[in-house]
Amino acid sequence: MMNIYLHKNDIDIWNMHLTYYQQNKNSASNIYKIFTKNWWVRRLEAHEYFYFVSRKFNKNFYTSFDYLFTLVVNKFFIKRNAN
C-alpha cells in the first residue's frame, strides 16, 4: 500500500501502513461495507482527492481503469445528493 504525505509543497510517498482499521461491528468504517452505495461514493472521493492533490503540486495524474470504473458506477448507478 502506498501512502502520500504532503509537506510544504512537496509530496513524499511512503510504502508503509499509516492507518489501521478495526474489524468489529462497532468500528467507524463499518458503514462502508464493500460494494455498497457508501463504499462507491467514498472510493470516488478518494480518487477525486488524489486528483486534487496531484494538480495542486503539478504532478501527473494517470487515469486508471479503477478510477474510470468507479466513475461509471457513481455516475450511472449511485444517486449522489446535490449540494
C-alpha atoms as a PDB file:
ATOM      1  CA  MET A   1       0.000   0.000   0.000  1.00  0.00           C
ATOM      2  CA  MET A   2       1.303   3.417  -0.911  1.00  0.00           C
ATOM      3  CA  ASN A   3       0.628   6.441   1.299  1.00  0.00           C
ATOM      4  CA  ILE A   4       1.178  10.068   0.417  1.00  0.00           C
ATOM      5  CA  TYR A   5       2.473  12.678   2.831  1.00  0.00           C
ATOM      6  CA  LEU A   6       2.221  16.374   1.981  1.00  0.00           C
ATOM      7  CA  HIS A   7       4.631  18.888   3.482  1.00  0.00           C
ATOM      8  CA  LYS A   8       5.468  22.402   2.279  1.00  0.00           C
ATOM      9  CA  ASN A   9       4.670  21.934  -1.411  1.00  0.00           C
ATOM     10  CA  ASP A  10       6.396  18.571  -1.549  1.00  0.00           C
ATOM     11  CA  ILE A  11       4.992  15.065  -1.823  1.00  0.00           C
ATOM     12  CA  ASP A  12       6.660  12.141  -0.116  1.00  0.00           C
ATOM     13  CA  ILE A  13       5.484   8.629  -0.891  1.00  0.00           C
ATOM     14  CA  TRP A  14       5.857   6.060   1.864  1.00  0.00           C
ATOM     15  CA  ASN A  15       5.432   2.366   1.294  1.00  0.00           C
ATOM     16  CA  MET A  16       4.020   1.623   4.735  1.00  0.00           C
ATOM     17  CA  HIS A  17       0.663   1.468   6.506  1.00  0.00           C
ATOM     18  CA  LEU A  18      -0.391   4.627   8.294  1.00  0.00           C
ATOM     19  CA  THR A  19      -3.978   3.673   9.056  1.00  0.00           C
ATOM     20  CA  TYR A  20      -5.277   0.566  10.711  1.00  0.00           C
ATOM     21  CA  TYR A  21      -8.901  -0.492  10.564  1.00  0.00           C
ATOM     22  CA  GLN A  22     -10.650  -2.390  13.296  1.00  0.00           C
ATOM     23  CA  GLN A  23     -12.606  -5.418  12.227  1.00  0.00           C
ATOM     24  CA  ASN A  24     -15.597  -5.252  14.513  1.00  0.00           C
ATOM     25  CA  LYS A  25     -19.232  -4.255  14.208  1.00  0.00           C
ATOM     26  CA  ASN A  26     -18.768  -1.049  16.223  1.00  0.00           C
ATOM     27  CA  SER A  27     -15.913   0.470  14.186  1.00  0.00           C
ATOM     28  CA  ALA A  28     -16.432   3.797  12.383  1.00  0.00           C
ATOM     29  CA  SER A  29     -15.620   2.315   8.965  1.00  0.00           C
ATOM     30  CA  ASN A  30     -18.273  -0.363   9.394  1.00  0.00           C
ATOM     31  CA  ILE A  31     -20.783   1.786   7.460  1.00  0.00           C
ATOM     32  CA  TYR A  32     -18.625   1.309   4.344  1.00  0.00           C
ATOM     33  CA  LYS A  33     -19.335  -2.334   3.631  1.00  0.00           C
ATOM     34  CA  ILE A  34     -17.739  -3.386   0.369  1.00  0.00           C
ATOM     35  CA  PHE A  35     -19.690  -2.632  -2.830  1.00  0.00           C
ATOM     36  CA  THR A  36     -22.446  -0.662  -1.082  1.00  0.00           C
ATOM     37  CA  LYS A  37     -23.517   2.828  -2.131  1.00  0.00           C
ATOM     38  CA  ASN A  38     -21.438   4.478   0.601  1.00  0.00           C
ATOM     39  CA  TRP A  39     -18.398   2.414  -0.350  1.00  0.00           C
ATOM     40  CA  TRP A  40     -18.556   3.506  -4.018  1.00  0.00           C
ATOM     41  CA  VAL A  41     -19.078   7.168  -3.074  1.00  0.00           C
ATOM     42  CA  ARG A  42     -16.146   7.049  -0.661  1.00  0.00           C
ATOM     43  CA  ARG A  43     -13.978   5.374  -3.303  1.00  0.00           C
ATOM     44  CA  LEU A  44     -14.699   8.115  -5.854  1.00  0.00           C
ATOM     45  CA  GLU A  45     -13.983  10.787  -3.238  1.00  0.00           C
ATOM     46  CA  ALA A  46     -10.569   9.200  -2.661  1.00  0.00           C
ATOM     47  CA  HIS A  47      -9.816   9.333  -6.409  1.00  0.00           C
ATOM     48  CA  GLU A  48     -11.004  12.951  -6.613  1.00  0.00           C
ATOM     49  CA  TYR A  49      -8.841  13.907  -3.642  1.00  0.00           C
ATOM     50  CA  PHE A  50      -5.775  12.330  -5.218  1.00  0.00           C
ATOM     51  CA  TYR A  51      -6.534  14.214  -8.457  1.00  0.00           C
ATOM     52  CA  PHE A  52      -6.838  17.478  -6.475  1.00  0.00           C
ATOM     53  CA  VAL A  53      -3.512  16.875  -4.717  1.00  0.00           C
ATOM     54  CA  SER A  54      -1.806  15.952  -7.985  1.00  0.00           C
ATOM     55  CA  ARG A  55      -2.965  19.163  -9.641  1.00  0.00           C
ATOM     56  CA  LYS A  56      -2.035  21.286  -6.621  1.00  0.00           C
ATOM     57  CA  PHE A  57       1.558  20.054  -6.759  1.00  0.00           C
ATOM     58  CA  ASN A  58       1.759  19.962 -10.576  1.00  0.00           C
ATOM     59  CA  LYS A  59       2.126  16.186 -10.666  1.00  0.00           C
ATOM     60  CA  ASN A  60       0.797  13.891 -13.361  1.00  0.00           C
ATOM     61  CA  PHE A  61      -2.490  12.168 -12.635  1.00  0.00           C
ATOM     62  CA  TYR A  62      -2.845   8.987 -14.638  1.00  0.00           C
ATOM     63  CA  THR A  63      -6.378   7.826 -15.295  1.00  0.00           C
ATOM     64  CA  SER A  64      -6.582   4.191 -14.279  1.00  0.00           C
ATOM     65  CA  PHE A  65      -9.174   1.561 -15.062  1.00  0.00           C
ATOM     66  CA  ASP A  66     -10.096   1.588 -11.367  1.00  0.00           C
ATOM     67  CA  TYR A  67     -10.844   5.323 -11.476  1.00  0.00           C
ATOM     68  CA  LEU A  68     -12.867   5.046 -14.693  1.00  0.00           C
ATOM     69  CA  PHE A  69     -14.869   2.080 -13.412  1.00  0.00           C
ATOM     70  CA  THR A  70     -15.570   3.852 -10.110  1.00  0.00           C
ATOM     71  CA  LEU A  71     -16.626   6.963 -12.024  1.00  0.00           C
ATOM     72  CA  VAL A  72     -19.040   4.979 -14.215  1.00  0.00           C
ATOM     73  CA  VAL A  73     -20.584   3.205 -11.225  1.00  0.00           C
ATOM     74  CA  ASN A  74     -21.094   6.509  -9.414  1.00  0.00           C
ATOM     75  CA  LYS A  75     -22.449   8.307 -12.463  1.00  0.00           C
ATOM     76  CA  PHE A  76     -24.956   5.689 -13.582  1.00  0.00           C
ATOM     77  CA  PHE A  77     -25.794   3.580 -10.545  1.00  0.00           C
ATOM     78  CA  ILE A  78     -25.321   5.796  -7.497  1.00  0.00           C
ATOM     79  CA  LYS A  79     -27.503   8.815  -6.952  1.00  0.00           C
ATOM     80  CA  ARG A  80     -25.488  11.411  -5.035  1.00  0.00           C
ATOM     81  CA  ASN A  81     -27.142  14.258  -3.194  1.00  0.00           C
ATOM     82  CA  ALA A  82     -26.734  17.607  -4.901  1.00  0.00           C
ATOM     83  CA  ASN A  83     -25.106  20.203  -2.657  1.00  0.00           C
END
